[in-house]
């Protein structure tokens, strides 16, 4: 209801000239009702994407600690996008020119990218036993989150001929996973074995790499 009203007004008046009050009036609800569902006007541009991030967090929370890290993120991300139909494209990715949301899309889109990265980093930290701000954890989290964002973007911009989002996400995650496999999976295996492993480059323990 609120989303439909917002779409109509963004297309009629542009995003910048549409107020929350106009959206609630068009939808026939109160301002308080709006803020029960959304924290800002920009949230209306990303309903599907935000729901996907929430579901990814839920999926990852159910993964047993200490198991495979990279494959678990890939599997969870693909489960999230599997049911996204070709008609459920975020407005921000297809109507930014018409609605005048290009700058807003960039800033609020980056916020979603960062939020998803935080979700993935927290999971990887738990799986491989490293701090959430560790170089390997942050590099992997940002690469995986970026791949998911790239999949959504290309999928949306492909227009009416687009295929399932699952296929785009699968391809994007495969691209970044080639390098991440060498770092994350040895780290997860080492944690399970109780070894002090620094696999970012060679997979050797820190003692072996120092020659001791």
N, C-alpha and C. Protein backbone atom coordinates (compact mmCIF):
# COMPACT_ATOMS: atom_id res chain seq x y z
N UNK A 1 0.83 -1.21 0.00
CA UNK A 1 0.00 0.00 0.00
C UNK A 1 0.87 1.26 0.00
N UNK A 2 1.77 1.38 0.98
CA UNK A 2 2.67 2.52 1.01
C UNK A 2 3.62 2.52 -0.19
N UNK A 3 4.11 1.32 -0.54
CA UNK A 3 5.01 1.23 -1.68
C UNK A 3 4.32 1.67 -2.97
N UNK A 4 3.07 1.22 -3.17
CA UNK A 4 2.34 1.59 -4.39
C UNK A 4 2.10 3.09 -4.46
N UNK A 5 1.72 3.66 -3.32
CA UNK A 5 1.48 5.10 -3.28
C UNK A 5 2.77 5.87 -3.58
N UNK A 6 3.87 5.40 -3.03
CA UNK A 6 5.15 6.07 -3.24
C UNK A 6 5.57 6.00 -4.71
N UNK A 7 5.38 4.85 -5.34
CA UNK A 7 5.74 4.70 -6.76
C UNK A 7 4.97 5.71 -7.60
N UNK A 8 3.69 5.79 -7.38
CA UNK A 8 2.86 6.72 -8.14
C UNK A 8 3.35 8.16 -8.00
N UNK A 9 3.64 8.56 -6.76
CA UNK A 9 4.04 9.94 -6.50
C UNK A 9 5.46 10.23 -6.99
N UNK A 10 6.35 9.26 -6.84
CA UNK A 10 7.72 9.47 -7.34
C UNK A 10 7.72 9.67 -8.84
N UNK A 11 6.87 8.90 -9.54
CA UNK A 11 6.79 9.03 -10.99
C UNK A 11 6.07 10.31 -11.42
N UNK A 12 5.12 10.73 -10.62
CA UNK A 12 4.37 11.95 -10.94
C UNK A 12 5.17 13.21 -10.62
N UNK A 13 5.78 13.24 -9.43
CA UNK A 13 6.39 14.47 -8.92
C UNK A 13 7.90 14.45 -8.81
N UNK A 14 8.52 13.32 -9.06
CA UNK A 14 9.93 13.00 -8.77
C UNK A 14 10.08 12.70 -7.28
N UNK A 15 11.16 12.03 -6.98
CA UNK A 15 11.43 11.62 -5.59
C UNK A 15 11.63 12.83 -4.68
N UNK A 16 12.43 13.79 -5.13
CA UNK A 16 12.77 14.93 -4.29
C UNK A 16 11.56 15.77 -3.90
N UNK A 17 10.59 15.87 -4.80
CA UNK A 17 9.43 16.73 -4.54
C UNK A 17 8.27 15.98 -3.89
N UNK A 18 8.48 14.74 -3.55
CA UNK A 18 7.44 13.95 -2.86
C UNK A 18 7.77 13.88 -1.38
N UNK A 19 6.78 14.20 -0.55
CA UNK A 19 6.99 14.17 0.90
C UNK A 19 6.36 12.92 1.50
N UNK A 20 6.79 12.60 2.70
CA UNK A 20 6.20 11.48 3.42
C UNK A 20 4.72 11.73 3.66
N UNK A 21 4.36 12.98 3.93
CA UNK A 21 2.95 13.32 4.15
C UNK A 21 2.11 13.02 2.91
N UNK A 22 2.63 13.33 1.74
CA UNK A 22 1.91 13.03 0.50
C UNK A 22 1.74 11.52 0.30
N UNK A 23 2.78 10.79 0.64
CA UNK A 23 2.71 9.33 0.50
C UNK A 23 1.66 8.74 1.42
N UNK A 24 1.63 9.19 2.67
CA UNK A 24 0.66 8.64 3.62
C UNK A 24 -0.77 9.05 3.25
N UNK A 25 -0.91 10.27 2.75
CA UNK A 25 -2.24 10.70 2.31
C UNK A 25 -2.73 9.87 1.13
N UNK A 26 -1.85 9.62 0.17
CA UNK A 26 -2.22 8.81 -1.00
C UNK A 26 -2.56 7.38 -0.57
N UNK A 27 -1.83 6.87 0.41
CA UNK A 27 -2.05 5.50 0.88
C UNK A 27 -3.21 5.40 1.86
N UNK A 28 -3.65 6.55 2.40
CA UNK A 28 -4.75 6.54 3.36
C UNK A 28 -4.36 6.04 4.73
N UNK A 29 -3.12 6.32 5.14
CA UNK A 29 -2.65 5.89 6.46
C UNK A 29 -2.03 7.10 7.17
N UNK A 30 -1.72 6.92 8.44
CA UNK A 30 -1.14 8.01 9.21
C UNK A 30 0.37 8.05 9.07
N UNK A 31 0.96 9.16 9.47
CA UNK A 31 2.42 9.29 9.47
C UNK A 31 3.04 8.26 10.41
N UNK A 32 2.39 8.03 11.55
CA UNK A 32 2.89 7.04 12.50
C UNK A 32 2.94 5.65 11.87
N UNK A 33 1.93 5.34 11.06
CA UNK A 33 1.92 4.04 10.39
C UNK A 33 3.11 3.91 9.45
N UNK A 34 3.43 5.00 8.76
CA UNK A 34 4.60 4.97 7.86
C UNK A 34 5.85 4.57 8.63
N UNK A 35 6.07 5.21 9.78
CA UNK A 35 7.30 4.96 10.53
C UNK A 35 7.26 3.64 11.29
N UNK A 36 6.13 2.98 11.31
CA UNK A 36 6.10 1.62 11.83
C UNK A 36 6.78 0.65 10.88
N UNK A 37 6.82 1.01 9.60
CA UNK A 37 7.37 0.12 8.57
C UNK A 37 8.69 0.62 7.97
N UNK A 38 8.86 1.94 7.93
CA UNK A 38 10.04 2.51 7.28
C UNK A 38 10.64 3.59 8.17
N UNK A 39 11.96 3.69 8.13
CA UNK A 39 12.63 4.72 8.92
C UNK A 39 12.89 5.98 8.11
N UNK A 40 12.82 5.88 6.78
CA UNK A 40 13.07 7.03 5.92
C UNK A 40 12.38 6.83 4.58
N UNK A 41 12.20 7.91 3.84
CA UNK A 41 11.58 7.84 2.52
C UNK A 41 12.38 6.95 1.58
N UNK A 42 13.70 6.99 1.70
CA UNK A 42 14.54 6.20 0.79
C UNK A 42 14.34 4.70 0.96
N UNK A 43 13.84 4.27 2.11
CA UNK A 43 13.60 2.83 2.31
C UNK A 43 12.60 2.28 1.31
N UNK A 44 11.72 3.13 0.82
CA UNK A 44 10.71 2.69 -0.14
C UNK A 44 11.32 2.29 -1.49
N UNK A 45 12.54 2.73 -1.74
CA UNK A 45 13.21 2.38 -2.99
C UNK A 45 13.82 0.99 -2.95
N UNK A 46 13.96 0.43 -1.74
CA UNK A 46 14.76 -0.78 -1.57
C UNK A 46 14.02 -1.88 -0.82
N UNK A 47 12.73 -1.95 -0.95
CA UNK A 47 11.95 -2.90 -0.16
C UNK A 47 12.42 -4.34 -0.36
N UNK A 48 12.58 -4.75 -1.61
CA UNK A 48 12.99 -6.13 -1.88
C UNK A 48 14.42 -6.38 -1.41
N UNK A 49 15.30 -5.43 -1.63
CA UNK A 49 16.70 -5.61 -1.23
C UNK A 49 16.84 -5.68 0.28
N UNK A 50 16.13 -4.81 1.00
CA UNK A 50 16.18 -4.85 2.46
C UNK A 50 15.64 -6.17 3.00
N UNK A 51 14.58 -6.65 2.41
CA UNK A 51 14.03 -7.93 2.83
C UNK A 51 15.05 -9.04 2.60
N UNK A 52 15.78 -8.94 1.49
CA UNK A 52 16.79 -9.94 1.19
C UNK A 52 17.94 -9.94 2.19
N UNK A 53 18.35 -8.75 2.64
CA UNK A 53 19.42 -8.67 3.63
C UNK A 53 18.95 -9.25 4.96
N UNK A 54 17.72 -8.95 5.34
CA UNK A 54 17.17 -9.53 6.58
C UNK A 54 17.13 -11.05 6.50
N UNK A 55 16.73 -11.56 5.36
CA UNK A 55 16.64 -13.02 5.23
C UNK A 55 18.04 -13.64 5.20
N UNK A 56 19.00 -12.97 4.58
CA UNK A 56 20.37 -13.48 4.58
C UNK A 56 20.90 -13.60 6.00
N UNK A 57 20.65 -12.59 6.81
CA UNK A 57 21.08 -12.64 8.21
C UNK A 57 20.43 -13.82 8.93
N UNK A 58 19.15 -14.04 8.67
CA UNK A 58 18.45 -15.16 9.31
C UNK A 58 19.00 -16.50 8.84
N UNK A 59 19.28 -16.61 7.54
CA UNK A 59 19.82 -17.85 6.99
C UNK A 59 21.19 -18.16 7.61
N UNK A 60 22.04 -17.16 7.70
CA UNK A 60 23.38 -17.37 8.23
C UNK A 60 23.36 -17.67 9.72
N UNK A 61 22.38 -17.13 10.42
CA UNK A 61 22.30 -17.39 11.87
C UNK A 61 22.00 -18.85 12.17
N UNK A 62 21.46 -19.57 11.19
CA UNK A 62 21.11 -20.98 11.39
C UNK A 62 22.24 -21.93 11.01
N UNK A 63 23.33 -21.39 10.47
CA UNK A 63 24.46 -22.23 10.07
C UNK A 63 25.28 -22.58 11.32
N UNK A 64 25.58 -23.86 11.55
CA UNK A 64 26.37 -24.24 12.73
C UNK A 64 27.74 -23.56 12.73
N UNK A 65 28.17 -23.12 13.89
CA UNK A 65 29.46 -22.46 14.00
C UNK A 65 30.60 -23.43 13.71
N UNK A 66 31.65 -22.90 13.10
CA UNK A 66 32.84 -23.70 12.89
C UNK A 66 32.88 -24.50 11.61
N UNK A 67 31.84 -24.46 10.83
CA UNK A 67 31.81 -25.20 9.58
C UNK A 67 32.36 -24.38 8.43
N UNK A 68 32.15 -24.86 7.20
CA UNK A 68 32.62 -24.12 6.02
C UNK A 68 32.06 -22.70 6.01
N UNK A 69 32.89 -21.76 5.60
CA UNK A 69 32.50 -20.36 5.63
C UNK A 69 31.99 -19.87 4.29
N UNK A 70 32.83 -19.96 3.27
CA UNK A 70 32.47 -19.41 1.97
C UNK A 70 31.28 -20.11 1.35
N UNK A 71 31.28 -21.43 1.37
CA UNK A 71 30.16 -22.17 0.76
C UNK A 71 28.86 -21.89 1.49
N UNK A 72 28.93 -21.64 2.79
CA UNK A 72 27.72 -21.34 3.56
C UNK A 72 27.13 -20.00 3.14
N UNK A 73 28.00 -19.01 2.92
CA UNK A 73 27.51 -17.70 2.47
C UNK A 73 26.91 -17.82 1.08
N UNK A 74 27.61 -18.52 0.18
CA UNK A 74 27.09 -18.70 -1.18
C UNK A 74 25.72 -19.37 -1.15
N UNK A 75 25.61 -20.45 -0.40
CA UNK A 75 24.35 -21.20 -0.36
C UNK A 75 23.23 -20.35 0.22
N UNK A 76 23.52 -19.62 1.29
CA UNK A 76 22.50 -18.78 1.92
C UNK A 76 22.06 -17.67 0.98
N UNK A 77 23.02 -17.03 0.31
CA UNK A 77 22.68 -15.95 -0.62
C UNK A 77 21.82 -16.44 -1.77
N UNK A 78 22.11 -17.63 -2.26
CA UNK A 78 21.34 -18.17 -3.38
C UNK A 78 19.95 -18.61 -2.94
N UNK A 79 19.82 -19.08 -1.71
CA UNK A 79 18.48 -19.39 -1.20
C UNK A 79 17.63 -18.13 -1.10
N UNK A 80 18.26 -17.04 -0.72
CA UNK A 80 17.54 -15.77 -0.57
C UNK A 80 16.97 -15.30 -1.91
N UNK A 81 17.76 -15.40 -2.97
CA UNK A 81 17.32 -14.85 -4.26
C UNK A 81 16.50 -15.84 -5.08
N UNK A 82 16.45 -17.08 -4.66
CA UNK A 82 15.79 -18.11 -5.47
C UNK A 82 14.33 -17.76 -5.77
N UNK A 83 13.63 -17.21 -4.78
CA UNK A 83 12.20 -16.95 -4.94
C UNK A 83 11.88 -15.53 -5.42
N UNK A 84 12.91 -14.76 -5.75
CA UNK A 84 12.67 -13.38 -6.22
C UNK A 84 12.24 -13.44 -7.68
N UNK A 85 11.00 -13.06 -7.93
CA UNK A 85 10.47 -13.11 -9.28
C UNK A 85 10.97 -11.97 -10.14
N UNK A 86 10.82 -12.11 -11.45
CA UNK A 86 11.34 -11.10 -12.38
C UNK A 86 10.59 -9.77 -12.27
N UNK A 87 9.46 -9.77 -11.57
CA UNK A 87 8.68 -8.54 -11.41
C UNK A 87 9.00 -7.82 -10.11
N UNK A 88 9.91 -8.36 -9.31
CA UNK A 88 10.19 -7.78 -8.00
C UNK A 88 11.53 -7.04 -8.01
N UNK A 89 11.64 -6.10 -8.90
CA UNK A 89 12.87 -5.34 -9.08
C UNK A 89 12.80 -4.06 -8.26
N UNK A 90 13.83 -3.76 -7.45
CA UNK A 90 13.82 -2.50 -6.69
C UNK A 90 13.68 -1.30 -7.60
N UNK A 91 12.81 -0.37 -7.22
CA UNK A 91 12.59 0.83 -8.02
C UNK A 91 13.88 1.59 -8.27
N UNK A 92 14.74 1.61 -7.27
CA UNK A 92 15.96 2.38 -7.36
C UNK A 92 16.86 1.93 -8.50
N UNK A 93 16.68 0.69 -8.95
CA UNK A 93 17.56 0.15 -9.98
C UNK A 93 16.99 0.28 -11.39
N UNK A 94 15.75 0.66 -11.52
CA UNK A 94 15.14 0.71 -12.85
C UNK A 94 14.53 2.06 -13.21
N UNK A 95 14.15 2.84 -12.21
CA UNK A 95 13.41 4.08 -12.48
C UNK A 95 14.13 5.32 -11.97
N UNK A 96 15.45 5.23 -11.78
CA UNK A 96 16.15 6.35 -11.17
C UNK A 96 16.13 7.61 -12.02
N UNK A 97 16.17 7.47 -13.33
CA UNK A 97 16.13 8.66 -14.19
C UNK A 97 14.76 9.33 -14.15
N UNK A 98 13.71 8.53 -14.25
CA UNK A 98 12.35 9.07 -14.27
C UNK A 98 11.99 9.71 -12.94
N UNK A 99 12.40 9.06 -11.85
CA UNK A 99 12.04 9.55 -10.52
C UNK A 99 13.03 10.56 -9.97
N UNK A 100 14.14 10.77 -10.67
CA UNK A 100 15.14 11.71 -10.19
C UNK A 100 15.84 11.25 -8.94
N UNK A 101 16.12 9.96 -8.89
CA UNK A 101 16.70 9.40 -7.66
C UNK A 101 18.16 8.97 -7.82
N UNK A 102 18.84 9.41 -8.86
CA UNK A 102 20.19 8.90 -9.11
C UNK A 102 21.12 9.10 -7.92
N UNK A 103 21.17 10.31 -7.38
CA UNK A 103 22.06 10.57 -6.25
C UNK A 103 21.60 9.84 -4.99
N UNK A 104 20.30 9.84 -4.76
CA UNK A 104 19.76 9.13 -3.59
C UNK A 104 20.02 7.64 -3.71
N UNK A 105 19.90 7.12 -4.93
CA UNK A 105 20.16 5.70 -5.15
C UNK A 105 21.60 5.35 -4.79
N UNK A 106 22.52 6.20 -5.16
CA UNK A 106 23.92 5.93 -4.86
C UNK A 106 24.18 5.91 -3.36
N UNK A 107 23.69 6.92 -2.65
CA UNK A 107 23.97 7.00 -1.21
C UNK A 107 23.24 5.92 -0.42
N UNK A 108 21.95 5.74 -0.70
CA UNK A 108 21.21 4.73 0.05
C UNK A 108 21.58 3.33 -0.39
N UNK A 109 22.00 3.17 -1.66
CA UNK A 109 22.47 1.88 -2.13
C UNK A 109 23.76 1.46 -1.45
N UNK A 110 24.66 2.42 -1.24
CA UNK A 110 25.89 2.12 -0.52
C UNK A 110 25.61 1.70 0.91
N UNK A 111 24.58 2.30 1.51
CA UNK A 111 24.21 1.90 2.87
C UNK A 111 23.76 0.44 2.92
N UNK A 112 23.05 -0.01 1.89
CA UNK A 112 22.63 -1.42 1.82
C UNK A 112 23.83 -2.34 1.60
N UNK A 113 24.75 -1.91 0.74
CA UNK A 113 25.96 -2.69 0.50
C UNK A 113 26.73 -2.87 1.80
N UNK A 114 26.87 -1.79 2.56
CA UNK A 114 27.60 -1.85 3.82
C UNK A 114 26.87 -2.72 4.85
N UNK A 115 25.55 -2.61 4.89
CA UNK A 115 24.79 -3.41 5.84
C UNK A 115 24.93 -4.90 5.54
N UNK A 116 24.85 -5.27 4.27
CA UNK A 116 25.02 -6.67 3.90
C UNK A 116 26.43 -7.14 4.21
N UNK A 117 27.42 -6.29 3.95
CA UNK A 117 28.80 -6.62 4.27
C UNK A 117 28.97 -6.89 5.76
N UNK A 118 28.32 -6.08 6.59
CA UNK A 118 28.39 -6.28 8.04
C UNK A 118 27.80 -7.62 8.45
N UNK A 119 26.69 -7.99 7.83
CA UNK A 119 26.06 -9.28 8.12
C UNK A 119 27.01 -10.43 7.78
N UNK A 120 27.61 -10.34 6.59
CA UNK A 120 28.51 -11.41 6.15
C UNK A 120 29.78 -11.43 6.99
N UNK A 121 30.32 -10.25 7.33
CA UNK A 121 31.54 -10.19 8.14
C UNK A 121 31.32 -10.81 9.52
N UNK A 122 30.17 -10.52 10.13
CA UNK A 122 29.88 -11.10 11.44
C UNK A 122 29.83 -12.62 11.36
N UNK A 123 29.25 -13.13 10.29
CA UNK A 123 29.18 -14.59 10.10
C UNK A 123 30.56 -15.18 9.88
N UNK A 124 31.36 -14.58 9.00
CA UNK A 124 32.69 -15.10 8.72
C UNK A 124 33.57 -15.06 9.95
N UNK A 125 33.45 -14.00 10.72
CA UNK A 125 34.21 -13.89 11.97
C UNK A 125 33.91 -15.06 12.89
N UNK A 126 32.63 -15.40 12.99
CA UNK A 126 32.23 -16.53 13.83
C UNK A 126 32.76 -17.85 13.28
N UNK A 127 32.73 -17.99 11.98
CA UNK A 127 33.11 -19.27 11.38
C UNK A 127 34.62 -19.53 11.42
N UNK A 128 35.42 -18.50 11.21
CA UNK A 128 36.86 -18.75 11.12
C UNK A 128 37.62 -18.27 12.36
N UNK A 129 36.89 -17.72 13.35
CA UNK A 129 37.53 -17.35 14.60
C UNK A 129 38.46 -16.17 14.52
N UNK A 130 38.15 -15.24 13.65
CA UNK A 130 38.96 -14.02 13.53
C UNK A 130 38.10 -12.81 13.87
N UNK A 131 38.73 -11.69 14.27
CA UNK A 131 37.96 -10.48 14.58
C UNK A 131 37.15 -10.01 13.37
N UNK A 132 36.07 -9.34 13.63
CA UNK A 132 35.21 -8.89 12.54
C UNK A 132 35.90 -7.85 11.67
N UNK A 133 36.92 -7.18 12.23
CA UNK A 133 37.64 -6.19 11.44
C UNK A 133 38.97 -6.73 10.89
N UNK A 134 39.13 -8.04 10.92
CA UNK A 134 40.31 -8.69 10.35
C UNK A 134 40.34 -8.48 8.84
N UNK A 135 41.56 -8.39 8.27
CA UNK A 135 41.69 -8.11 6.85
C UNK A 135 41.02 -9.17 5.99
N UNK A 136 41.23 -10.44 6.31
CA UNK A 136 40.61 -11.51 5.53
C UNK A 136 39.09 -11.45 5.63
N UNK A 137 38.59 -11.24 6.83
CA UNK A 137 37.14 -11.18 7.04
C UNK A 137 36.52 -10.03 6.26
N UNK A 138 37.09 -8.83 6.39
CA UNK A 138 36.52 -7.66 5.72
C UNK A 138 36.65 -7.76 4.20
N UNK A 139 37.80 -8.24 3.73
CA UNK A 139 37.99 -8.38 2.29
C UNK A 139 36.96 -9.33 1.70
N UNK A 140 36.78 -10.47 2.36
CA UNK A 140 35.83 -11.47 1.87
C UNK A 140 34.40 -10.95 1.95
N UNK A 141 34.05 -10.32 3.06
CA UNK A 141 32.68 -9.83 3.24
C UNK A 141 32.33 -8.79 2.20
N UNK A 142 33.25 -7.86 1.94
CA UNK A 142 32.97 -6.81 0.96
C UNK A 142 32.93 -7.36 -0.46
N UNK A 143 33.78 -8.35 -0.74
CA UNK A 143 33.76 -8.96 -2.08
C UNK A 143 32.45 -9.69 -2.32
N UNK A 144 32.00 -10.44 -1.34
CA UNK A 144 30.76 -11.20 -1.49
C UNK A 144 29.55 -10.28 -1.56
N UNK A 145 29.53 -9.26 -0.70
CA UNK A 145 28.42 -8.31 -0.73
C UNK A 145 28.39 -7.55 -2.05
N UNK A 146 29.57 -7.18 -2.55
CA UNK A 146 29.64 -6.49 -3.83
C UNK A 146 29.16 -7.35 -4.98
N UNK A 147 29.48 -8.64 -4.92
CA UNK A 147 29.01 -9.55 -5.97
C UNK A 147 27.49 -9.65 -5.98
N UNK A 148 26.90 -9.72 -4.80
CA UNK A 148 25.44 -9.78 -4.70
C UNK A 148 24.82 -8.50 -5.24
N UNK A 149 25.39 -7.36 -4.88
CA UNK A 149 24.87 -6.08 -5.39
C UNK A 149 25.01 -5.99 -6.91
N UNK A 150 26.13 -6.47 -7.43
CA UNK A 150 26.33 -6.46 -8.88
C UNK A 150 25.28 -7.32 -9.57
N UNK A 151 24.97 -8.46 -8.98
CA UNK A 151 23.96 -9.35 -9.57
C UNK A 151 22.61 -8.66 -9.62
N UNK A 152 22.20 -8.02 -8.52
CA UNK A 152 20.93 -7.29 -8.50
C UNK A 152 20.91 -6.19 -9.56
N UNK A 153 22.01 -5.44 -9.67
CA UNK A 153 22.06 -4.31 -10.59
C UNK A 153 21.96 -4.75 -12.05
N UNK A 154 22.77 -5.72 -12.44
CA UNK A 154 22.75 -6.18 -13.83
C UNK A 154 21.42 -6.84 -14.16
N UNK A 155 20.90 -7.62 -13.22
CA UNK A 155 19.61 -8.27 -13.40
C UNK A 155 18.51 -7.24 -13.65
N UNK A 156 18.49 -6.20 -12.83
CA UNK A 156 17.45 -5.16 -12.98
C UNK A 156 17.59 -4.42 -14.29
N UNK A 157 18.81 -4.08 -14.67
CA UNK A 157 19.04 -3.28 -15.87
C UNK A 157 18.84 -4.09 -17.16
N UNK A 158 18.75 -5.41 -17.06
CA UNK A 158 18.53 -6.24 -18.26
C UNK A 158 17.09 -6.15 -18.77
N UNK A 159 16.22 -5.50 -18.04
CA UNK A 159 14.87 -5.23 -18.54
C UNK A 159 13.98 -6.46 -18.62
N UNK A 160 13.01 -6.37 -19.51
CA UNK A 160 11.97 -7.41 -19.56
C UNK A 160 12.51 -8.76 -20.01
N UNK A 161 13.69 -8.77 -20.61
CA UNK A 161 14.27 -10.03 -21.05
C UNK A 161 15.12 -10.70 -19.99
N UNK A 162 15.13 -10.15 -18.76
CA UNK A 162 15.98 -10.69 -17.71
C UNK A 162 15.58 -12.11 -17.33
N UNK A 163 16.56 -12.90 -16.97
CA UNK A 163 16.31 -14.25 -16.47
C UNK A 163 16.15 -14.23 -14.96
N UNK A 164 16.19 -15.40 -14.32
CA UNK A 164 16.06 -15.45 -12.86
C UNK A 164 17.25 -14.77 -12.17
N UNK A 165 16.97 -14.06 -11.09
CA UNK A 165 18.03 -13.42 -10.31
C UNK A 165 19.02 -14.47 -9.80
N UNK A 166 18.54 -15.67 -9.52
CA UNK A 166 19.39 -16.76 -9.05
C UNK A 166 20.58 -16.97 -9.97
N UNK A 167 20.36 -16.93 -11.28
CA UNK A 167 21.44 -17.18 -12.24
C UNK A 167 22.49 -16.08 -12.18
N UNK A 168 22.06 -14.84 -12.06
CA UNK A 168 22.99 -13.71 -11.98
C UNK A 168 23.82 -13.80 -10.69
N UNK A 169 23.14 -14.09 -9.59
CA UNK A 169 23.83 -14.18 -8.31
C UNK A 169 24.82 -15.34 -8.30
N UNK A 170 24.42 -16.47 -8.87
CA UNK A 170 25.29 -17.63 -8.92
C UNK A 170 26.57 -17.30 -9.70
N UNK A 171 26.43 -16.64 -10.84
CA UNK A 171 27.59 -16.28 -11.65
C UNK A 171 28.48 -15.27 -10.93
N UNK A 172 27.88 -14.26 -10.31
CA UNK A 172 28.66 -13.22 -9.63
C UNK A 172 29.43 -13.80 -8.44
N UNK A 173 28.78 -14.66 -7.68
CA UNK A 173 29.45 -15.27 -6.52
C UNK A 173 30.55 -16.22 -6.96
N UNK A 174 30.36 -16.88 -8.08
CA UNK A 174 31.40 -17.77 -8.59
C UNK A 174 32.66 -16.98 -8.96
N UNK A 175 32.48 -15.79 -9.51
CA UNK A 175 33.62 -14.97 -9.91
C UNK A 175 34.49 -14.62 -8.71
N UNK A 176 33.89 -14.13 -7.63
CA UNK A 176 34.69 -13.71 -6.47
C UNK A 176 35.14 -14.90 -5.63
N UNK A 177 34.45 -16.01 -5.73
CA UNK A 177 34.80 -17.17 -4.91
C UNK A 177 36.11 -17.82 -5.33
N UNK A 178 36.52 -17.61 -6.58
CA UNK A 178 37.75 -18.22 -7.07
C UNK A 178 38.93 -17.84 -6.18
N UNK A 179 39.03 -16.57 -5.83
CA UNK A 179 40.12 -16.13 -4.97
C UNK A 179 39.85 -16.37 -3.49
N UNK A 180 38.61 -16.26 -3.07
CA UNK A 180 38.29 -16.38 -1.65
C UNK A 180 38.45 -17.80 -1.13
N UNK A 181 38.27 -18.78 -1.99
CA UNK A 181 38.42 -20.17 -1.57
C UNK A 181 39.77 -20.42 -0.91
N UNK A 182 40.80 -19.77 -1.43
CA UNK A 182 42.15 -20.00 -0.94
C UNK A 182 42.38 -19.45 0.45
N UNK A 183 41.54 -18.50 0.87
CA UNK A 183 41.72 -17.92 2.19
C UNK A 183 40.74 -18.38 3.24
N UNK A 184 39.46 -18.40 2.87
CA UNK A 184 38.43 -18.67 3.86
C UNK A 184 38.34 -20.13 4.26
N UNK A 185 38.36 -21.03 3.30
CA UNK A 185 38.15 -22.43 3.66
C UNK A 185 39.29 -23.01 4.50
N UNK A 186 40.58 -22.70 4.18
CA UNK A 186 41.64 -23.16 5.08
C UNK A 186 41.52 -22.56 6.48
N UNK A 187 41.07 -21.31 6.56
CA UNK A 187 40.92 -20.68 7.87
C UNK A 187 39.84 -21.37 8.69
N UNK A 188 38.72 -21.70 8.04
CA UNK A 188 37.65 -22.40 8.75
C UNK A 188 38.10 -23.79 9.18
N UNK A 189 38.80 -24.49 8.29
CA UNK A 189 39.28 -25.83 8.63
C UNK A 189 40.29 -25.78 9.76
N UNK A 190 41.16 -24.76 9.74
CA UNK A 190 42.16 -24.63 10.79
C UNK A 190 41.51 -24.36 12.14
N UNK A 191 40.46 -23.58 12.14
CA UNK A 191 39.80 -23.30 13.41
C UNK A 191 39.20 -24.57 13.99
N UNK A 192 38.58 -25.37 13.12
CA UNK A 192 38.00 -26.62 13.58
C UNK A 192 39.07 -27.56 14.13
N UNK A 193 40.29 -27.51 13.54
CA UNK A 193 41.37 -28.37 13.99
C UNK A 193 42.14 -27.78 15.16
N UNK A 194 41.87 -26.52 15.48
CA UNK A 194 42.55 -25.88 16.59
C UNK A 194 43.94 -25.41 16.26
N UNK A 195 44.25 -25.23 14.98
CA UNK A 195 45.58 -24.80 14.56
C UNK A 195 45.64 -23.30 14.38
N UNK A 196 46.85 -22.76 14.52
CA UNK A 196 47.10 -21.34 14.26
C UNK A 196 47.48 -21.20 12.81
N UNK A 197 46.49 -20.89 11.96
CA UNK A 197 46.74 -20.85 10.52
C UNK A 197 46.53 -19.44 10.00
N UNK A 198 47.43 -19.01 9.16
CA UNK A 198 47.28 -17.74 8.45
C UNK A 198 47.29 -18.05 6.96
N UNK A 199 46.11 -18.33 6.38
CA UNK A 199 46.07 -18.84 5.02
C UNK A 199 45.86 -17.80 3.94
N UNK A 200 45.97 -16.52 4.29
CA UNK A 200 45.60 -15.49 3.33
C UNK A 200 46.37 -15.64 2.02
N UNK A 201 47.65 -15.99 2.11
CA UNK A 201 48.44 -16.08 0.89
C UNK A 201 48.80 -17.53 0.56
N UNK A 202 49.36 -18.25 1.52
CA UNK A 202 49.91 -19.57 1.20
C UNK A 202 49.20 -20.71 1.86
N UNK A 203 48.41 -20.45 2.89
CA UNK A 203 47.78 -21.52 3.61
C UNK A 203 48.68 -22.12 4.68
N UNK A 204 49.90 -21.57 4.87
CA UNK A 204 50.79 -22.07 5.88
C UNK A 204 50.53 -21.43 7.22
N UNK A 205 50.98 -22.08 8.28
CA UNK A 205 50.86 -21.48 9.60
C UNK A 205 51.80 -20.30 9.70
N UNK A 206 51.53 -19.41 10.64
CA UNK A 206 52.38 -18.23 10.78
C UNK A 206 53.80 -18.63 11.18
N UNK A 207 53.96 -19.73 11.94
CA UNK A 207 55.29 -20.19 12.32
C UNK A 207 56.07 -20.67 11.09
N UNK A 208 55.39 -21.41 10.19
CA UNK A 208 56.05 -21.91 8.99
C UNK A 208 56.48 -20.75 8.09
N UNK A 209 55.62 -19.75 7.98
CA UNK A 209 55.93 -18.63 7.10
C UNK A 209 57.10 -17.81 7.64
N UNK A 210 57.29 -17.79 8.97
CA UNK A 210 58.39 -17.03 9.55
C UNK A 210 59.67 -17.84 9.59
N UNK A 211 59.58 -19.15 9.27
CA UNK A 211 60.75 -19.99 9.21
C UNK A 211 61.13 -20.59 10.53
N UNK A 212 60.27 -20.45 11.57
CA UNK A 212 60.59 -21.01 12.88
C UNK A 212 60.13 -22.44 12.98
